[in-house]
Amino acid sequence: MPKHPLMNFDLWTSALDQNALMASAAELHGLIAGMLSAGVPADANQILPVLHDFLNDGQAVNAALKSQISGLIAETARQLADEELGFSPLLPSDDDALPERLEALVEWAQAFLVGFAIQQTDLSIVAEEVRDAVEQLTEVTRIDIYTPDDSSEAENEESYFLVLEHVRVMVLTCFCEVGQKFAAAEVASQTLH
């Protein structure tokens, strides 16, 4: 399936560098996906201030980057809600070196957990599947990318793709069990007023 133009890791890396942001493209997307999966509505006005705090030392970003990030928020929300399970974390392409992809995946998972925790501070109120997903995503953040591995390159590639697919499934679990329900509840309560 062709990737949406907004889901280009290299373009985001360049845009963030040009704007001197202190975050990677993986961290930006992980934080957005985490917030959406925790029930924050896909509203740039609600998400951008959090991104400013976590990724830019509280400073707002310029209008062009704000517009790009707003598009990324909308596209991420669309992918998470996709019935075809079309969601993918924003990570380096398969052509990049495995350590670089792995480091980005760890950063993405860390940022996802931060974004999720912003909205969902009490895991006792979520389904057991969500608590398991959060625990497994936490395990991904502990992957040691610097330890030499005796496995073959093909085995390492296969392991990476298995972990990546597992991350995708855990994120979709969080979104389906929490994000959709909490966001729908908030829309319903706003409609009543």
C-alpha atoms as a PDB file:
ATOM      1  CA  MET A   1       0.000   0.000   0.000  1.00  0.00           C
ATOM      2  CA  PRO A   2       1.440   3.416  -0.895  1.00  0.00           C
ATOM      3  CA  LYS A   3       2.290   5.528   2.090  1.00  0.00           C
ATOM      4  CA  HIS A   4       0.560   8.830   2.692  1.00  0.00           C
ATOM      5  CA  PRO A   5       2.976  11.706   1.905  1.00  0.00           C
ATOM      6  CA  LEU A   6       2.694  12.882   5.520  1.00  0.00           C
ATOM      7  CA  MET A   7       4.131   9.567   6.675  1.00  0.00           C
ATOM      8  CA  ASN A   8       7.632  10.170   5.266  1.00  0.00           C
ATOM      9  CA  PHE A   9      10.206   9.870   8.054  1.00  0.00           C
ATOM     10  CA  ASP A  10      12.976  11.677   6.163  1.00  0.00           C
ATOM     11  CA  LEU A  11      10.761  14.656   5.325  1.00  0.00           C
ATOM     12  CA  TRP A  12       9.716  14.963   8.974  1.00  0.00           C
ATOM     13  CA  THR A  13      13.314  14.657  10.144  1.00  0.00           C
ATOM     14  CA  SER A  14      14.264  17.484   7.803  1.00  0.00           C
ATOM     15  CA  ALA A  15      11.307  19.664   8.852  1.00  0.00           C
ATOM     16  CA  LEU A  16      12.034  19.181  12.556  1.00  0.00           C
ATOM     17  CA  ASP A  17      15.739  19.893  12.049  1.00  0.00           C
ATOM     18  CA  GLN A  18      15.012  23.048  10.042  1.00  0.00           C
ATOM     19  CA  ASN A  19      12.816  24.269  12.874  1.00  0.00           C
ATOM     20  CA  ALA A  20      15.400  23.314  15.530  1.00  0.00           C
ATOM     21  CA  LEU A  21      12.957  21.065  17.380  1.00  0.00           C
ATOM     22  CA  MET A  22      14.431  18.871  20.087  1.00  0.00           C
ATOM     23  CA  ALA A  23      12.549  15.778  18.976  1.00  0.00           C
ATOM     24  CA  SER A  24      12.821  13.108  16.343  1.00  0.00           C
ATOM     25  CA  ALA A  25      10.116  12.342  13.813  1.00  0.00           C
ATOM     26  CA  ALA A  26       9.517   9.059  15.669  1.00  0.00           C
ATOM     27  CA  GLU A  27       8.988  10.903  18.968  1.00  0.00           C
ATOM     28  CA  LEU A  28       6.596  13.405  17.389  1.00  0.00           C
ATOM     29  CA  HIS A  29       4.457  10.678  15.857  1.00  0.00           C
ATOM     30  CA  GLY A  30       4.624   8.419  18.920  1.00  0.00           C
ATOM     31  CA  LEU A  31       3.399  11.228  21.156  1.00  0.00           C
ATOM     32  CA  ILE A  32       0.521  12.022  18.790  1.00  0.00           C
ATOM     33  CA  ALA A  33      -0.470   8.341  18.457  1.00  0.00           C
ATOM     34  CA  GLY A  34      -0.276   7.881  22.235  1.00  0.00           C
ATOM     35  CA  MET A  35      -2.552  10.835  22.921  1.00  0.00           C
ATOM     36  CA  LEU A  36      -5.068   9.744  20.286  1.00  0.00           C
ATOM     37  CA  SER A  37      -4.983   6.170  21.609  1.00  0.00           C
ATOM     38  CA  ALA A  38      -5.726   7.463  25.104  1.00  0.00           C
ATOM     39  CA  GLY A  39      -8.829   9.323  23.994  1.00  0.00           C
ATOM     40  CA  VAL A  40      -7.584  12.825  23.194  1.00  0.00           C
ATOM     41  CA  PRO A  41      -9.690  14.035  20.256  1.00  0.00           C
ATOM     42  CA  ALA A  42      -7.868  14.526  16.941  1.00  0.00           C
ATOM     43  CA  ASP A  43      -7.986  18.280  17.462  1.00  0.00           C
ATOM     44  CA  ALA A  44      -4.750  20.129  16.773  1.00  0.00           C
ATOM     45  CA  ASN A  45      -5.780  22.879  19.220  1.00  0.00           C
ATOM     46  CA  GLN A  46      -5.734  20.309  22.051  1.00  0.00           C
ATOM     47  CA  ILE A  47      -2.674  18.346  20.920  1.00  0.00           C
ATOM     48  CA  LEU A  48      -0.325  21.116  19.767  1.00  0.00           C
ATOM     49  CA  PRO A  49       0.175  22.721  23.218  1.00  0.00           C
ATOM     50  CA  VAL A  50       1.257  19.343  24.598  1.00  0.00           C
ATOM     51  CA  LEU A  51       3.633  18.853  21.670  1.00  0.00           C
ATOM     52  CA  HIS A  52       5.073  22.316  22.313  1.00  0.00           C
ATOM     53  CA  ASP A  53       5.707  21.408  25.968  1.00  0.00           C
ATOM     54  CA  PHE A  54       7.273  18.028  25.306  1.00  0.00           C
ATOM     55  CA  LEU A  55       9.056  18.616  22.034  1.00  0.00           C
ATOM     56  CA  ASN A  56       9.900  22.310  21.856  1.00  0.00           C
ATOM     57  CA  ASP A  57      10.527  23.515  25.411  1.00  0.00           C
ATOM     58  CA  GLY A  58       7.057  25.059  25.599  1.00  0.00           C
ATOM     59  CA  GLN A  59       7.586  27.212  22.510  1.00  0.00           C
ATOM     60  CA  ALA A  60       5.010  27.296  19.719  1.00  0.00           C
ATOM     61  CA  VAL A  61       6.108  26.214  16.262  1.00  0.00           C
ATOM     62  CA  ASN A  62       5.829  28.377  13.140  1.00  0.00           C
ATOM     63  CA  ALA A  63       2.627  28.396  11.089  1.00  0.00           C
ATOM     64  CA  ALA A  64       3.985  26.151   8.317  1.00  0.00           C
ATOM     65  CA  LEU A  65       5.134  23.434  10.716  1.00  0.00           C
ATOM     66  CA  LYS A  66       1.928  23.805  12.753  1.00  0.00           C
ATOM     67  CA  SER A  67      -0.035  23.130   9.570  1.00  0.00           C
ATOM     68  CA  GLN A  68       2.101  20.067   8.773  1.00  0.00           C
ATOM     69  CA  ILE A  69       1.685  18.722  12.320  1.00  0.00           C
ATOM     70  CA  SER A  70      -2.074  19.317  12.146  1.00  0.00           C
ATOM     71  CA  GLY A  71      -2.123  17.214   8.981  1.00  0.00           C
ATOM     72  CA  LEU A  72      -0.086  14.498  10.708  1.00  0.00           C
ATOM     73  CA  ILE A  73      -2.561  14.473  13.613  1.00  0.00           C
ATOM     74  CA  ALA A  74      -5.490  14.046  11.210  1.00  0.00           C
ATOM     75  CA  GLU A  75      -3.722  11.350   9.171  1.00  0.00           C
ATOM     76  CA  THR A  76      -2.683   9.453  12.314  1.00  0.00           C
ATOM     77  CA  ALA A  77      -6.265   9.546  13.606  1.00  0.00           C
ATOM     78  CA  ARG A  78      -7.511   8.309  10.242  1.00  0.00           C
ATOM     79  CA  GLN A  79      -5.018   5.436  10.213  1.00  0.00           C
ATOM     80  CA  LEU A  80      -5.795   4.424  13.789  1.00  0.00           C
ATOM     81  CA  ALA A  81      -9.523   4.284  13.004  1.00  0.00           C
ATOM     82  CA  ASP A  82      -8.961   2.468   9.684  1.00  0.00           C
ATOM     83  CA  GLU A  83     -10.984  -0.756   9.616  1.00  0.00           C
ATOM     84  CA  GLU A  84      -8.294  -2.247   7.346  1.00  0.00           C
ATOM     85  CA  LEU A  85      -5.769  -1.784  10.204  1.00  0.00           C
ATOM     86  CA  GLY A  86      -3.660   0.512   8.038  1.00  0.00           C
ATOM     87  CA  PHE A  87      -1.857   2.178  10.943  1.00  0.00           C
ATOM     88  CA  SER A  88       1.950   2.282  10.884  1.00  0.00           C
ATOM     89  CA  PRO A  89       4.353   4.091  13.195  1.00  0.00           C
ATOM     90  CA  LEU A  90       6.369   6.852  11.512  1.00  0.00           C
ATOM     91  CA  LEU A  91       9.798   5.220  11.297  1.00  0.00           C
ATOM     92  CA  PRO A  92      12.819   5.172   8.964  1.00  0.00           C
ATOM     93  CA  SER A  93      12.379   3.208   5.747  1.00  0.00           C
ATOM     94  CA  ASP A  94      13.432  -0.416   5.374  1.00  0.00           C
ATOM     95  CA  ASP A  95      16.446   0.842   3.398  1.00  0.00           C
ATOM     96  CA  ASP A  96      17.929   2.482   6.499  1.00  0.00           C
ATOM     97  CA  ALA A  97      20.343   0.610   8.752  1.00  0.00           C
ATOM     98  CA  LEU A  98      18.713  -1.715  11.269  1.00  0.00           C
ATOM     99  CA  PRO A  99      20.222   0.026  14.350  1.00  0.00           C
ATOM    100  CA  GLU A 100      18.776   3.340  13.133  1.00  0.00           C
ATOM    101  CA  ARG A 101      15.327   1.781  12.627  1.00  0.00           C
ATOM    102  CA  LEU A 102      15.490   0.057  15.993  1.00  0.00           C
ATOM    103  CA  GLU A 103      16.507   3.244  17.796  1.00  0.00           C
ATOM    104  CA  ALA A 104      13.590   5.080  16.160  1.00  0.00           C
ATOM    105  CA  LEU A 105      11.187   2.284  17.159  1.00  0.00           C
ATOM    106  CA  VAL A 106      12.346   2.524  20.789  1.00  0.00           C
ATOM    107  CA  GLU A 107      11.945   6.337  20.703  1.00  0.00           C
ATOM    108  CA  TRP A 108       8.516   5.945  19.117  1.00  0.00           C
ATOM    109  CA  ALA A 109       7.364   3.508  21.821  1.00  0.00           C
ATOM    110  CA  GLN A 110       8.682   5.772  24.602  1.00  0.00           C
ATOM    111  CA  ALA A 111       6.870   8.786  23.172  1.00  0.00           C
ATOM    112  CA  PHE A 112       3.682   6.743  22.664  1.00  0.00           C
ATOM    113  CA  LEU A 113       3.692   5.768  26.334  1.00  0.00           C
ATOM    114  CA  VAL A 114       4.204   9.408  27.376  1.00  0.00           C
ATOM    115  CA  GLY A 115       1.337  10.518  25.135  1.00  0.00           C
ATOM    116  CA  PHE A 116      -0.915   7.763  26.454  1.00  0.00           C
ATOM    117  CA  ALA A 117      -0.084   8.626  30.083  1.00  0.00           C
ATOM    118  CA  ILE A 118      -0.987  12.288  29.567  1.00  0.00           C
ATOM    119  CA  GLN A 119      -4.644  11.312  29.260  1.00  0.00           C
ATOM    120  CA  GLN A 120      -4.786   7.879  30.917  1.00  0.00           C
ATOM    121  CA  THR A 121      -3.100   8.226  34.278  1.00  0.00           C
ATOM    122  CA  ASP A 122      -5.026   5.410  35.971  1.00  0.00           C
ATOM    123  CA  LEU A 123      -4.533   2.094  34.208  1.00  0.00           C
ATOM    124  CA  SER A 124      -6.791   0.339  36.706  1.00  0.00           C
ATOM    125  CA  ILE A 125      -9.819   1.724  34.842  1.00  0.00           C
ATOM    126  CA  VAL A 126      -8.837   0.292  31.446  1.00  0.00           C
ATOM    127  CA  ALA A 127      -9.267  -3.240  30.147  1.00  0.00           C
ATOM    128  CA  GLU A 128      -6.668  -5.865  30.992  1.00  0.00           C
ATOM    129  CA  GLU A 129      -5.708  -6.045  27.293  1.00  0.00           C
ATOM    130  CA  VAL A 130      -4.725  -2.372  27.449  1.00  0.00           C
ATOM    131  CA  ARG A 131      -2.662  -2.851  30.611  1.00  0.00           C
ATOM    132  CA  ASP A 132      -0.913  -5.784  28.882  1.00  0.00           C
ATOM    133  CA  ALA A 133      -0.338  -3.658  25.758  1.00  0.00           C
ATOM    134  CA  VAL A 134       1.184  -0.837  27.821  1.00  0.00           C
ATOM    135  CA  GLU A 135       3.391  -3.344  29.631  1.00  0.00           C
ATOM    136  CA  GLN A 136       4.560  -4.887  26.352  1.00  0.00           C
ATOM    137  CA  LEU A 137       5.226  -1.461  24.811  1.00  0.00           C
ATOM    138  CA  THR A 138       7.274  -0.652  27.913  1.00  0.00           C
ATOM    139  CA  GLU A 139       9.323  -3.785  27.197  1.00  0.00           C
ATOM    140  CA  VAL A 140      10.013  -2.480  23.679  1.00  0.00           C
ATOM    141  CA  THR A 141      11.526   0.669  25.223  1.00  0.00           C
ATOM    142  CA  ARG A 142      14.062  -1.549  26.984  1.00  0.00           C
ATOM    143  CA  ILE A 143      15.484  -3.048  23.800  1.00  0.00           C
ATOM    144  CA  ASP A 144      19.243  -2.625  23.853  1.00  0.00           C
ATOM    145  CA  ILE A 145      20.186  -1.511  20.372  1.00  0.00           C
ATOM    146  CA  TYR A 146      23.901  -1.253  21.126  1.00  0.00           C
ATOM    147  CA  THR A 147      24.658  -4.816  22.208  1.00  0.00           C
ATOM    148  CA  PRO A 148      26.338  -6.834  19.457  1.00  0.00           C
ATOM    149  CA  ASP A 149      24.190  -9.692  18.256  1.00  0.00           C
ATOM    150  CA  ASP A 150      25.417 -13.031  16.940  1.00  0.00           C
ATOM    151  CA  SER A 151      22.272 -13.533  14.858  1.00  0.00           C
ATOM    152  CA  SER A 152      22.413 -13.262  11.102  1.00  0.00           C
ATOM    153  CA  GLU A 153      21.299 -10.085   9.384  1.00  0.00           C
ATOM    154  CA  ALA A 154      18.231 -11.901   8.042  1.00  0.00           C
ATOM    155  CA  GLU A 155      17.287 -13.112  11.533  1.00  0.00           C
ATOM    156  CA  ASN A 156      17.712  -9.590  12.921  1.00  0.00           C
ATOM    157  CA  GLU A 157      15.548  -8.151  10.142  1.00  0.00           C
ATOM    158  CA  GLU A 158      12.868 -10.748  10.820  1.00  0.00           C
ATOM    159  CA  SER A 159      12.982 -10.007  14.555  1.00  0.00           C
ATOM    160  CA  TYR A 160      12.670  -6.270  13.871  1.00  0.00           C
ATOM    161  CA  PHE A 161       9.582  -6.776  11.714  1.00  0.00           C
ATOM    162  CA  LEU A 162       8.015  -9.072  14.325  1.00  0.00           C
ATOM    163  CA  VAL A 163       8.555  -6.439  17.029  1.00  0.00           C
ATOM    164  CA  LEU A 164       7.241  -3.702  14.720  1.00  0.00           C
ATOM    165  CA  GLU A 165       4.094  -5.702  13.955  1.00  0.00           C
ATOM    166  CA  HIS A 166       3.635  -6.396  17.668  1.00  0.00           C
ATOM    167  CA  VAL A 167       3.918  -2.664  18.407  1.00  0.00           C
ATOM    168  CA  ARG A 168       1.292  -1.946  15.741  1.00  0.00           C
ATOM    169  CA  VAL A 169      -1.103  -4.476  17.288  1.00  0.00           C
ATOM    170  CA  MET A 170      -0.537  -3.136  20.828  1.00  0.00           C
ATOM    171  CA  VAL A 171      -1.179   0.440  19.665  1.00  0.00           C
ATOM    172  CA  LEU A 172      -4.360  -0.563  17.849  1.00  0.00           C
ATOM    173  CA  THR A 173      -5.480  -2.411  20.996  1.00  0.00           C
ATOM    174  CA  CYS A 174      -5.016   0.765  23.049  1.00  0.00           C
ATOM    175  CA  PHE A 175      -6.809   2.874  20.450  1.00  0.00           C
ATOM    176  CA  CYS A 176      -9.766   0.487  20.058  1.00  0.00           C
ATOM    177  CA  GLU A 177     -10.205  -0.186  23.772  1.00  0.00           C
ATOM    178  CA  VAL A 178      -9.523   3.328  25.083  1.00  0.00           C
ATOM    179  CA  GLY A 179      -9.049   5.964  22.395  1.00  0.00           C
ATOM    180  CA  GLN A 180     -12.267   5.410  20.492  1.00  0.00           C
ATOM    181  CA  LYS A 181     -14.366   4.988  23.633  1.00  0.00           C
ATOM    182  CA  PHE A 182     -13.016   8.024  25.511  1.00  0.00           C
ATOM    183  CA  ALA A 183     -13.048  10.280  22.440  1.00  0.00           C
ATOM    184  CA  ALA A 184     -16.632   9.189  21.645  1.00  0.00           C
ATOM    185  CA  ALA A 185     -17.674   9.834  25.265  1.00  0.00           C
ATOM    186  CA  GLU A 186     -16.175  13.338  25.117  1.00  0.00           C
ATOM    187  CA  VAL A 187     -17.955  14.137  21.844  1.00  0.00           C
ATOM    188  CA  ALA A 188     -21.225  12.864  23.324  1.00  0.00           C
ATOM    189  CA  SER A 189     -20.833  14.993  26.466  1.00  0.00           C
ATOM    190  CA  GLN A 190     -20.063  18.083  24.351  1.00  0.00           C
ATOM    191  CA  THR A 191     -23.134  17.403  22.228  1.00  0.00           C
ATOM    192  CA  LEU A 192     -25.365  17.298  25.315  1.00  0.00           C
ATOM    193  CA  HIS A 193     -24.351  20.791  26.425  1.00  0.00           C
END
